[in-house]
Each structure stands twice: as C-alpha cells, then as structure tokens.
PDB file of N, CA and C in Angstrom:
ATOM      1  N   MET A   1     132.140  88.844 181.807  1.00  0.00           N
ATOM      2  CA  MET A   1     132.497  88.946 180.416  1.00  0.00           C
ATOM      3  C   MET A   1     131.334  89.594 179.644  1.00  0.00           C
ATOM      4  N   ALA A   2     131.559  90.779 179.121  1.00  0.00           N
ATOM      5  CA  ALA A   2     130.517  91.520 178.405  1.00  0.00           C
ATOM      6  C   ALA A   2     130.478  91.072 176.950  1.00  0.00           C
ATOM      7  N   GLU A   3     129.272  90.889 176.467  1.00  0.00           N
ATOM      8  CA  GLU A   3     129.101  90.434 175.091  1.00  0.00           C
ATOM      9  C   GLU A   3     128.982  91.650 174.172  1.00  0.00           C
ATOM     10  N   ASN A   4     129.667  91.618 173.045  1.00  0.00           N
ATOM     11  CA  ASN A   4     129.647  92.725 172.097  1.00  0.00           C
ATOM     12  C   ASN A   4     128.349  92.669 171.294  1.00  0.00           C
ATOM     13  N   THR A   5     127.431  93.584 171.572  1.00  0.00           N
ATOM     14  CA  THR A   5     126.138  93.557 170.880  1.00  0.00           C
ATOM     15  C   THR A   5     126.221  94.184 169.496  1.00  0.00           C
ATOM     16  N   GLU A   6     127.214  95.052 169.267  1.00  0.00           N
ATOM     17  CA  GLU A   6     127.334  95.673 167.949  1.00  0.00           C
ATOM     18  C   GLU A   6     127.740  94.665 166.890  1.00  0.00           C
ATOM     19  N   ALA A   7     128.568  93.719 167.239  1.00  0.00           N
ATOM     20  CA  ALA A   7     129.021  92.722 166.268  1.00  0.00           C
ATOM     21  C   ALA A   7     127.910  91.759 165.907  1.00  0.00           C
ATOM     22  N   ASN A   8     126.989  91.534 166.835  1.00  0.00           N
ATOM     23  CA  ASN A   8     125.909  90.582 166.599  1.00  0.00           C
ATOM     24  C   ASN A   8     124.650  91.252 166.068  1.00  0.00           C
ATOM     25  N   ALA A   9     124.645  92.548 166.036  1.00  0.00           N
ATOM     26  CA  ALA A   9     123.446  93.258 165.584  1.00  0.00           C
ATOM     27  C   ALA A   9     123.288  93.114 164.075  1.00  0.00           C
ATOM     28  N   THR A  10     122.063  92.927 163.645  1.00  0.00           N
ATOM     29  CA  THR A  10     121.786  92.859 162.213  1.00  0.00           C
ATOM     30  C   THR A  10     121.694  94.276 161.675  1.00  0.00           C
ATOM     31  N   PRO A  11     122.223  94.525 160.494  1.00  0.00           N
ATOM     32  CA  PRO A  11     122.172  95.888 159.946  1.00  0.00           C
ATOM     33  C   PRO A  11     120.741  96.286 159.605  1.00  0.00           C
ATOM     34  N   VAL A  12     120.432  97.528 159.842  1.00  0.00           N
ATOM     35  CA  VAL A  12     119.109  98.063 159.534  1.00  0.00           C
ATOM     36  C   VAL A  12     119.250  98.916 158.282  1.00  0.00           C
ATOM     37  N   TYR A  13     118.544  98.540 157.247  1.00  0.00           N
ATOM     38  CA  TYR A  13     118.596  99.266 155.989  1.00  0.00           C
ATOM     39  C   TYR A  13     117.382 100.164 155.888  1.00  0.00           C
ATOM     40  N   GLN A  14     117.614 101.408 155.511  1.00  0.00           N
ATOM     41  CA  GLN A  14     116.504 102.321 155.295  1.00  0.00           C
ATOM     42  C   GLN A  14     115.943 102.047 153.913  1.00  0.00           C
ATOM     43  N   THR A  15     114.652 101.911 153.841  1.00  0.00           N
ATOM     44  CA  THR A  15     114.027 101.616 152.557  1.00  0.00           C
ATOM     45  C   THR A  15     113.132 102.777 152.148  1.00  0.00           C
ATOM     46  N   TYR A  16     112.838 102.816 150.879  1.00  0.00           N
ATOM     47  CA  TYR A  16     111.944 103.840 150.353  1.00  0.00           C
ATOM     48  C   TYR A  16     110.507 103.509 150.718  1.00  0.00           C
ATOM     49  N   ASP A  17     109.715 104.548 150.814  1.00  0.00           N
ATOM     50  CA  ASP A  17     108.283 104.397 151.016  1.00  0.00           C
ATOM     51  C   ASP A  17     107.672 104.043 149.671  1.00  0.00           C
ATOM     52  N   THR A  18     107.046 102.899 149.575  1.00  0.00           N
ATOM     53  CA  THR A  18     106.489 102.457 148.289  1.00  0.00           C
ATOM     54  C   THR A  18     104.991 102.682 148.190  1.00  0.00           C
ATOM     55  N   SER A  19     104.398 103.322 149.196  1.00  0.00           N
ATOM     56  CA  SER A  19     102.958 103.573 149.132  1.00  0.00           C
ATOM     57  C   SER A  19     102.671 104.631 148.071  1.00  0.00           C
ATOM     58  N   PRO A  20     101.504 104.525 147.426  1.00  0.00           N
ATOM     59  CA  PRO A  20     101.167 105.519 146.397  1.00  0.00           C
ATOM     60  C   PRO A  20     101.013 106.912 147.006  1.00  0.00           C
ATOM     61  N   MET A  21     101.445 107.903 146.264  1.00  0.00           N
ATOM     62  CA  MET A  21     101.296 109.286 146.717  1.00  0.00           C
ATOM     63  C   MET A  21      99.885 109.761 146.406  1.00  0.00           C
ATOM     64  N   SER A  22      99.322 110.567 147.297  1.00  0.00           N
ATOM     65  CA  SER A  22      97.980 111.096 147.084  1.00  0.00           C
ATOM     66  C   SER A  22      98.039 112.248 146.079  1.00  0.00           C
ATOM     67  N   VAL A  23      96.876 112.664 145.635  1.00  0.00           N
ATOM     68  CA  VAL A  23      96.802 113.795 144.709  1.00  0.00           C
ATOM     69  C   VAL A  23      97.355 115.049 145.367  1.00  0.00           C
ATOM     70  N   GLY A  24      97.073 115.221 146.643  1.00  0.00           N
ATOM     71  CA  GLY A  24      97.594 116.374 147.367  1.00  0.00           C
ATOM     72  C   GLY A  24      99.116 116.376 147.427  1.00  0.00           C
ATOM     73  N   ASP A  25      99.713 115.194 147.626  1.00  0.00           N
ATOM     74  CA  ASP A  25     101.175 115.094 147.632  1.00  0.00           C
ATOM     75  C   ASP A  25     101.752 115.475 146.277  1.00  0.00           C
ATOM     76  N   TRP A  26     101.092 115.044 145.203  1.00  0.00           N
ATOM     77  CA  TRP A  26     101.573 115.384 143.861  1.00  0.00           C
ATOM     78  C   TRP A  26     101.425 116.875 143.595  1.00  0.00           C
ATOM     79  N   VAL A  27     100.328 117.472 144.063  1.00  0.00           N
ATOM     80  CA  VAL A  27     100.125 118.913 143.870  1.00  0.00           C
ATOM     81  C   VAL A  27     101.216 119.695 144.592  1.00  0.00           C
ATOM     82  N   ILE A  28     101.516 119.309 145.833  1.00  0.00           N
ATOM     83  CA  ILE A  28     102.579 119.981 146.586  1.00  0.00           C
ATOM     84  C   ILE A  28     103.927 119.791 145.894  1.00  0.00           C
ATOM     85  N   THR A  29     104.172 118.578 145.391  1.00  0.00           N
ATOM     86  CA  THR A  29     105.425 118.311 144.672  1.00  0.00           C
ATOM     87  C   THR A  29     105.541 119.205 143.446  1.00  0.00           C
ATOM     88  N   MET A  30     104.474 119.307 142.667  1.00  0.00           N
ATOM     89  CA  MET A  30     104.504 120.127 141.453  1.00  0.00           C
ATOM     90  C   MET A  30     104.685 121.609 141.782  1.00  0.00           C
ATOM     91  N   ILE A  31     104.029 122.082 142.842  1.00  0.00           N
ATOM     92  CA  ILE A  31     104.170 123.487 143.224  1.00  0.00           C
ATOM     93  C   ILE A  31     105.607 123.769 143.656  1.00  0.00           C
ATOM     94  N   LEU A  32     106.187 122.883 144.463  1.00  0.00           N
ATOM     95  CA  LEU A  32     107.569 123.080 144.905  1.00  0.00           C
ATOM     96  C   LEU A  32     108.546 123.039 143.731  1.00  0.00           C
ATOM     97  N   LEU A  33     108.319 122.150 142.782  1.00  0.00           N
ATOM     98  CA  LEU A  33     109.220 122.056 141.631  1.00  0.00           C
ATOM     99  C   LEU A  33     109.068 123.244 140.686  1.00  0.00           C
ATOM    100  N   ALA A  34     107.941 123.946 140.754  1.00  0.00           N
ATOM    101  CA  ALA A  34     107.723 125.100 139.878  1.00  0.00           C
ATOM    102  C   ALA A  34     108.433 126.355 140.381  1.00  0.00           C
ATOM    103  N   ILE A  35     108.831 126.387 141.642  1.00  0.00           N
ATOM    104  CA  ILE A  35     109.549 127.542 142.199  1.00  0.00           C
ATOM    105  C   ILE A  35     111.001 127.434 141.755  1.00  0.00           C
ATOM    106  N   PRO A  36     111.546 128.446 141.079  1.00  0.00           N
ATOM    107  CA  PRO A  36     112.844 128.309 140.410  1.00  0.00           C
ATOM    108  C   PRO A  36     113.988 127.694 141.221  1.00  0.00           C
ATOM    109  N   ILE A  37     114.481 128.311 142.241  1.00  0.00           N
ATOM    110  CA  ILE A  37     115.646 127.765 142.949  1.00  0.00           C
ATOM    111  C   ILE A  37     115.226 126.649 143.903  1.00  0.00           C
ATOM    112  N   VAL A  38     114.101 126.830 144.561  1.00  0.00           N
ATOM    113  CA  VAL A  38     113.595 125.816 145.485  1.00  0.00           C
ATOM    114  C   VAL A  38     113.332 124.510 144.737  1.00  0.00           C
ATOM    115  N   GLY A  39     112.791 124.611 143.538  1.00  0.00           N
ATOM    116  CA  GLY A  39     112.500 123.421 142.745  1.00  0.00           C
ATOM    117  C   GLY A  39     113.743 122.634 142.408  1.00  0.00           C
ATOM    118  N   LEU A  40     114.804 123.323 142.042  1.00  0.00           N
ATOM    119  CA  LEU A  40     116.054 122.636 141.712  1.00  0.00           C
ATOM    120  C   LEU A  40     116.651 121.955 142.939  1.00  0.00           C
ATOM    121  N   VAL A  41     116.616 122.660 144.066  1.00  0.00           N
ATOM    122  CA  VAL A  41     117.137 122.079 145.310  1.00  0.00           C
ATOM    123  C   VAL A  41     116.322 120.857 145.721  1.00  0.00           C
ATOM    124  N   MET A  42     114.999 120.963 145.669  1.00  0.00           N
ATOM    125  CA  MET A  42     114.140 119.842 146.045  1.00  0.00           C
ATOM    126  C   MET A  42     114.289 118.671 145.075  1.00  0.00           C
ATOM    127  N   LEU A  43     114.458 118.973 143.803  1.00  0.00           N
ATOM    128  CA  LEU A  43     114.664 117.926 142.808  1.00  0.00           C
ATOM    129  C   LEU A  43     115.905 117.116 143.142  1.00  0.00           C
ATOM    130  N   ILE A  44     116.995 117.790 143.417  1.00  0.00           N
ATOM    131  CA  ILE A  44     118.240 117.102 143.771  1.00  0.00           C
ATOM    132  C   ILE A  44     118.087 116.370 145.102  1.00  0.00           C
ATOM    133  N   TYR A  45     117.437 117.012 146.081  1.00  0.00           N
ATOM    134  CA  TYR A  45     117.250 116.380 147.391  1.00  0.00           C
ATOM    135  C   TYR A  45     116.454 115.086 147.271  1.00  0.00           C
ATOM    136  N   TRP A  46     115.347 115.113 146.520  1.00  0.00           N
ATOM    137  CA  TRP A  46     114.515 113.924 146.401  1.00  0.00           C
ATOM    138  C   TRP A  46     115.211 112.814 145.625  1.00  0.00           C
ATOM    139  N   ILE A  47     116.109 113.155 144.725  1.00  0.00           N
ATOM    140  CA  ILE A  47     116.841 112.121 143.982  1.00  0.00           C
ATOM    141  C   ILE A  47     117.870 111.435 144.873  1.00  0.00           C
ATOM    142  N   VAL A  48     118.631 112.203 145.648  1.00  0.00           N
ATOM    143  CA  VAL A  48     119.726 111.625 146.425  1.00  0.00           C
ATOM    144  C   VAL A  48     119.306 111.168 147.817  1.00  0.00           C
ATOM    145  N   SER A  49     118.093 111.477 148.244  1.00  0.00           N
ATOM    146  CA  SER A  49     117.640 111.090 149.567  1.00  0.00           C
ATOM    147  C   SER A  49     117.540 109.567 149.670  1.00  0.00           C
ATOM    148  N   SER A  50     118.013 109.027 150.785  1.00  0.00           N
ATOM    149  CA  SER A  50     117.966 107.577 150.961  1.00  0.00           C
ATOM    150  C   SER A  50     116.619 107.118 151.510  1.00  0.00           C
ATOM    151  N   THR A  51     115.784 108.040 151.892  1.00  0.00           N
ATOM    152  CA  THR A  51     114.428 107.710 152.328  1.00  0.00           C
ATOM    153  C   THR A  51     113.460 108.553 151.517  1.00  0.00           C
ATOM    154  N   GLY A  52     112.211 108.342 151.707  1.00  0.00           N
ATOM    155  CA  GLY A  52     111.210 109.104 150.969  1.00  0.00           C
ATOM    156  C   GLY A  52     110.428 108.202 150.036  1.00  0.00           C
ATOM    157  N   ASN A  53     109.521 108.795 149.327  1.00  0.00           N
ATOM    158  CA  ASN A  53     108.656 108.026 148.446  1.00  0.00           C
ATOM    159  C   ASN A  53     109.376 107.684 147.155  1.00  0.00           C
ATOM    160  N   VAL A  54     109.332 106.407 146.788  1.00  0.00           N
ATOM    161  CA  VAL A  54     110.036 105.945 145.589  1.00  0.00           C
ATOM    162  C   VAL A  54     109.400 106.515 144.321  1.00  0.00           C
ATOM    163  N   ASN A  55     108.103 106.763 144.357  1.00  0.00           N
ATOM    164  CA  ASN A  55     107.440 107.334 143.183  1.00  0.00           C
ATOM    165  C   ASN A  55     107.926 108.751 142.916  1.00  0.00           C
ATOM    166  N   ARG A  56     108.071 109.558 143.986  1.00  0.00           N
ATOM    167  CA  ARG A  56     108.577 110.916 143.832  1.00  0.00           C
ATOM    168  C   ARG A  56     110.027 110.895 143.359  1.00  0.00           C
ATOM    169  N   ARG A  57     110.823 109.984 143.905  1.00  0.00           N
ATOM    170  CA  ARG A  57     112.227 109.867 143.515  1.00  0.00           C
ATOM    171  C   ARG A  57     112.340 109.517 142.031  1.00  0.00           C
ATOM    172  N   ASN A  58     111.565 108.549 141.578  1.00  0.00           N
ATOM    173  CA  ASN A  58     111.609 108.159 140.171  1.00  0.00           C
ATOM    174  C   ASN A  58     111.130 109.280 139.255  1.00  0.00           C
ATOM    175  N   TYR A  59     110.100 110.016 139.681  1.00  0.00           N
ATOM    176  CA  TYR A  59     109.622 111.149 138.892  1.00  0.00           C
ATOM    177  C   TYR A  59     110.711 112.209 138.752  1.00  0.00           C
ATOM    178  N   CYS A  60     111.374 112.529 139.860  1.00  0.00           N
ATOM    179  CA  CYS A  60     112.430 113.544 139.828  1.00  0.00           C
ATOM    180  C   CYS A  60     113.609 113.075 138.979  1.00  0.00           C
ATOM    181  N   LEU A  61     113.958 111.805 139.073  1.00  0.00           N
ATOM    182  CA  LEU A  61     115.041 111.264 138.260  1.00  0.00           C
ATOM    183  C   LEU A  61     114.687 111.327 136.779  1.00  0.00           C
ATOM    184  N   ALA A  62     113.459 110.972 136.445  1.00  0.00           N
ATOM    185  CA  ALA A  62     113.015 111.041 135.045  1.00  0.00           C
ATOM    186  C   ALA A  62     113.013 112.485 134.549  1.00  0.00           C
ATOM    187  N   THR A  63     112.635 113.426 135.402  1.00  0.00           N
ATOM    188  CA  THR A  63     112.645 114.840 135.042  1.00  0.00           C
ATOM    189  C   THR A  63     114.048 115.317 134.718  1.00  0.00           C
ATOM    190  N   VAL A  64     115.028 114.916 135.535  1.00  0.00           N
ATOM    191  CA  VAL A  64     116.421 115.306 135.293  1.00  0.00           C
ATOM    192  C   VAL A  64     116.940 114.681 133.999  1.00  0.00           C
ATOM    193  N   ILE A  65     116.601 113.423 133.737  1.00  0.00           N
ATOM    194  CA  ILE A  65     117.051 112.751 132.509  1.00  0.00           C
ATOM    195  C   ILE A  65     116.469 113.445 131.282  1.00  0.00           C
ATOM    196  N   ILE A  66     115.187 113.753 131.312  1.00  0.00           N
ATOM    197  CA  ILE A  66     114.553 114.420 130.167  1.00  0.00           C
ATOM    198  C   ILE A  66     115.137 115.818 129.979  1.00  0.00           C
ATOM    199  N   ALA A  67     115.364 116.544 131.078  1.00  0.00           N
ATOM    200  CA  ALA A  67     115.964 117.881 130.976  1.00  0.00           C
ATOM    201  C   ALA A  67     117.369 117.810 130.382  1.00  0.00           C
ATOM    202  N   ALA A  68     118.136 116.789 130.759  1.00  0.00           N
ATOM    203  CA  ALA A  68     119.492 116.628 130.210  1.00  0.00           C
ATOM    204  C   ALA A  68     119.438 116.319 128.716  1.00  0.00           C
ATOM    205  N   ILE A  69     118.499 115.485 128.305  1.00  0.00           N
ATOM    206  CA  ILE A  69     118.354 115.159 126.877  1.00  0.00           C
ATOM    207  C   ILE A  69     117.981 116.414 126.092  1.00  0.00           C
ATOM    208  N   ILE A  70     117.033 117.192 126.602  1.00  0.00           N
ATOM    209  CA  ILE A  70     116.619 118.428 125.924  1.00  0.00           C
ATOM    210  C   ILE A  70     117.777 119.419 125.856  1.00  0.00           C
ATOM    211  N   LEU A  71     118.568 119.509 126.923  1.00  0.00           N
ATOM    212  CA  LEU A  71     119.721 120.407 126.935  1.00  0.00           C
ATOM    213  C   LEU A  71     120.747 119.998 125.883  1.00  0.00           C
ATOM    214  N   VAL A  72     121.022 118.709 125.780  1.00  0.00           N
ATOM    215  CA  VAL A  72     121.988 118.227 124.782  1.00  0.00           C
ATOM    216  C   VAL A  72     121.479 118.493 123.369  1.00  0.00           C
ATOM    217  N   ILE A  73     120.207 118.220 123.125  1.00  0.00           N
ATOM    218  CA  ILE A  73     119.638 118.485 121.800  1.00  0.00           C
ATOM    219  C   ILE A  73     119.695 119.983 121.485  1.00  0.00           C
ATOM    220  N   GLY A  74     119.402 120.830 122.483  1.00  0.00           N
ATOM    221  CA  GLY A  74     119.473 122.272 122.279  1.00  0.00           C
ATOM    222  C   GLY A  74     120.876 122.745 121.953  1.00  0.00           C
ATOM    223  N   ILE A  75     121.863 122.180 122.631  1.00  0.00           N
ATOM    224  CA  ILE A  75     123.257 122.544 122.351  1.00  0.00           C
ATOM    225  C   ILE A  75     123.655 122.110 120.946  1.00  0.00           C
ATOM    226  N   ILE A  76     123.247 120.912 120.558  1.00  0.00           N
ATOM    227  CA  ILE A  76     123.558 120.425 119.201  1.00  0.00           C
ATOM    228  C   ILE A  76     122.915 121.327 118.150  1.00  0.00           C
ATOM    229  N   ILE A  77     121.665 121.696 118.357  1.00  0.00           N
ATOM    230  CA  ILE A  77     120.980 122.574 117.402  1.00  0.00           C
ATOM    231  C   ILE A  77     121.644 123.950 117.359  1.00  0.00           C
ATOM    232  N   ALA A  78     122.025 124.494 118.518  1.00  0.00           N
ATOM    233  CA  ALA A  78     122.680 125.799 118.556  1.00  0.00           C
ATOM    234  C   ALA A  78     124.021 125.760 117.838  1.00  0.00           C
ATOM    235  N   ILE A  79     124.774 124.691 118.028  1.00  0.00           N
ATOM    236  CA  ILE A  79     126.064 124.555 117.329  1.00  0.00           C
ATOM    237  C   ILE A  79     125.838 124.437 115.830  1.00  0.00           C
ATOM    238  N   PHE A  80     124.846 123.658 115.435  1.00  0.00           N
ATOM    239  CA  PHE A  80     124.561 123.472 114.014  1.00  0.00           C
ATOM    240  C   PHE A  80     124.182 124.797 113.352  1.00  0.00           C
ATOM    241  N   PHE A  81     123.193 125.498 113.944  1.00  0.00           N
ATOM    242  CA  PHE A  81     122.752 126.751 113.335  1.00  0.00           C
ATOM    243  C   PHE A  81     123.784 127.862 113.483  1.00  0.00           C
ATOM    244  N   GLY A  82     124.562 127.830 114.565  1.00  0.00           N
ATOM    245  CA  GLY A  82     125.653 128.795 114.704  1.00  0.00           C
ATOM    246  C   GLY A  82     126.705 128.575 113.644  1.00  0.00           C
ATOM    247  N   GLY A  83     127.017 127.310 113.367  1.00  0.00           N
ATOM    248  CA  GLY A  83     127.973 126.989 112.306  1.00  0.00           C
ATOM    249  C   GLY A  83     127.446 127.384 110.943  1.00  0.00           C
ATOM    250  N   MET A  84     126.159 127.135 110.720  1.00  0.00           N
ATOM    251  CA  MET A  84     125.556 127.517 109.438  1.00  0.00           C
ATOM    252  C   MET A  84     125.592 129.042 109.274  1.00  0.00           C
ATOM    253  N   ALA A  85     125.313 129.783 110.325  1.00  0.00           N
ATOM    254  CA  ALA A  85     125.352 131.247 110.247  1.00  0.00           C
ATOM    255  C   ALA A  85     126.766 131.731 109.988  1.00  0.00           C
ATOM    256  N   ALA A  86     127.767 131.082 110.612  1.00  0.00           N
ATOM    257  CA  ALA A  86     129.145 131.464 110.389  1.00  0.00           C
ATOM    258  C   ALA A  86     129.566 131.191 108.953  1.00  0.00           C
ATOM    259  N   ILE A  87     129.156 130.058 108.420  1.00  0.00           N
ATOM    260  CA  ILE A  87     129.486 129.719 107.015  1.00  0.00           C
ATOM    261  C   ILE A  87     128.806 130.701 106.066  1.00  0.00           C
ATOM    262  N   MET A  88     127.538 131.012 106.343  1.00  0.00           N
ATOM    263  CA  MET A  88     126.814 131.916 105.456  1.00  0.00           C
ATOM    264  C   MET A  88     127.398 133.335 105.516  1.00  0.00           C
ATOM    265  N   SER A  89     127.817 133.778 106.686  1.00  0.00           N
ATOM    266  CA  SER A  89     128.392 135.113 106.774  1.00  0.00           C
ATOM    267  C   SER A  89     129.787 135.157 106.157  1.00  0.00           C
ATOM    268  N   HIS A  90     130.466 134.034 106.200  1.00  0.00           N
ATOM    269  CA  HIS A  90     131.810 133.965 105.595  1.00  0.00           C
ATOM    270  C   HIS A  90     131.725 134.062 104.072  1.00  0.00           C
ATOM    271  N   HIS A  91     130.670 133.506 103.514  1.00  0.00           N
ATOM    272  CA  HIS A  91     130.493 133.522 102.066  1.00  0.00           C
ATOM    273  C   HIS A  91     129.676 134.708 101.590  1.00  0.00           C
ATOM    274  N   GLY A  92     129.271 135.579 102.476  1.00  0.00           N
ATOM    275  CA  GLY A  92     128.553 136.792 102.099  1.00  0.00           C
ATOM    276  C   GLY A  92     127.098 136.568 101.795  1.00  0.00           C
ATOM    277  N   VAL A  93     126.512 135.484 102.254  1.00  0.00           N
ATOM    278  CA  VAL A  93     125.080 135.224 102.033  1.00  0.00           C
ATOM    279  C   VAL A  93     124.292 135.978 103.094  1.00  0.00           C
ATOM    280  N   GLN A  94     123.318 136.795 102.632  1.00  0.00           N
ATOM    281  CA  GLN A  94     122.485 137.541 103.573  1.00  0.00           C
ATOM    282  C   GLN A  94     121.084 137.018 103.482  1.00  0.00           C
ATOM    283  N   MET A  95     120.408 137.084 104.610  1.00  0.00           N
ATOM    284  CA  MET A  95     119.019 136.613 104.620  1.00  0.00           C
ATOM    285  C   MET A  95     118.083 137.775 104.592  1.00  0.00           C
TER     286      MET A  95
END
C-alpha cells in the first residue's frame, strides 16, 4: 500500500527577500529604471514578481502610485485649461 506523499506534504510558500539592498543594488535599480522601455518592463516585473527583494518591490509600487497621481493631476489641469481656452475663444477673448 503506497502512501500519498503529496496529500501529506506541507505547502511551501515563496517569500520575499527582506534583507536590505546594498548601495550597488540601488544604483543598478536606478540605472535600469532610467532606460525608457526596459525601465517600464522592470518596474512591472518587480511589482508582480512573487520573489525578490521587498524593498525594491515597495519602491517600484510607490513609483507607480506617484506616477498615476501625477498623471491624473496633469489630465485634470489639461482639461481645466483646455476648457478655459475653449470658453475664451468662444467669447472672442485674445491673449
């Protein structure tokens, strides 16, 4: 009678690396994020990766949140000033 070892096995969870990143690791991270397309790909990869350094993951997540906030504020400002320009041109106001 063979015993089922898969049913009795405890699940293994992959955890993040919580050790502090060195200055060299941060420099490499910043250089990679500064490259236009590579930076975006690495940013997304480090956010969704189930392993890796938790400090890098949190930094990338914070970067995406701040970028989204700036994008929303920029869109609101563009709509506001675009609307103001449309109103001013409709009424014949020239600058």
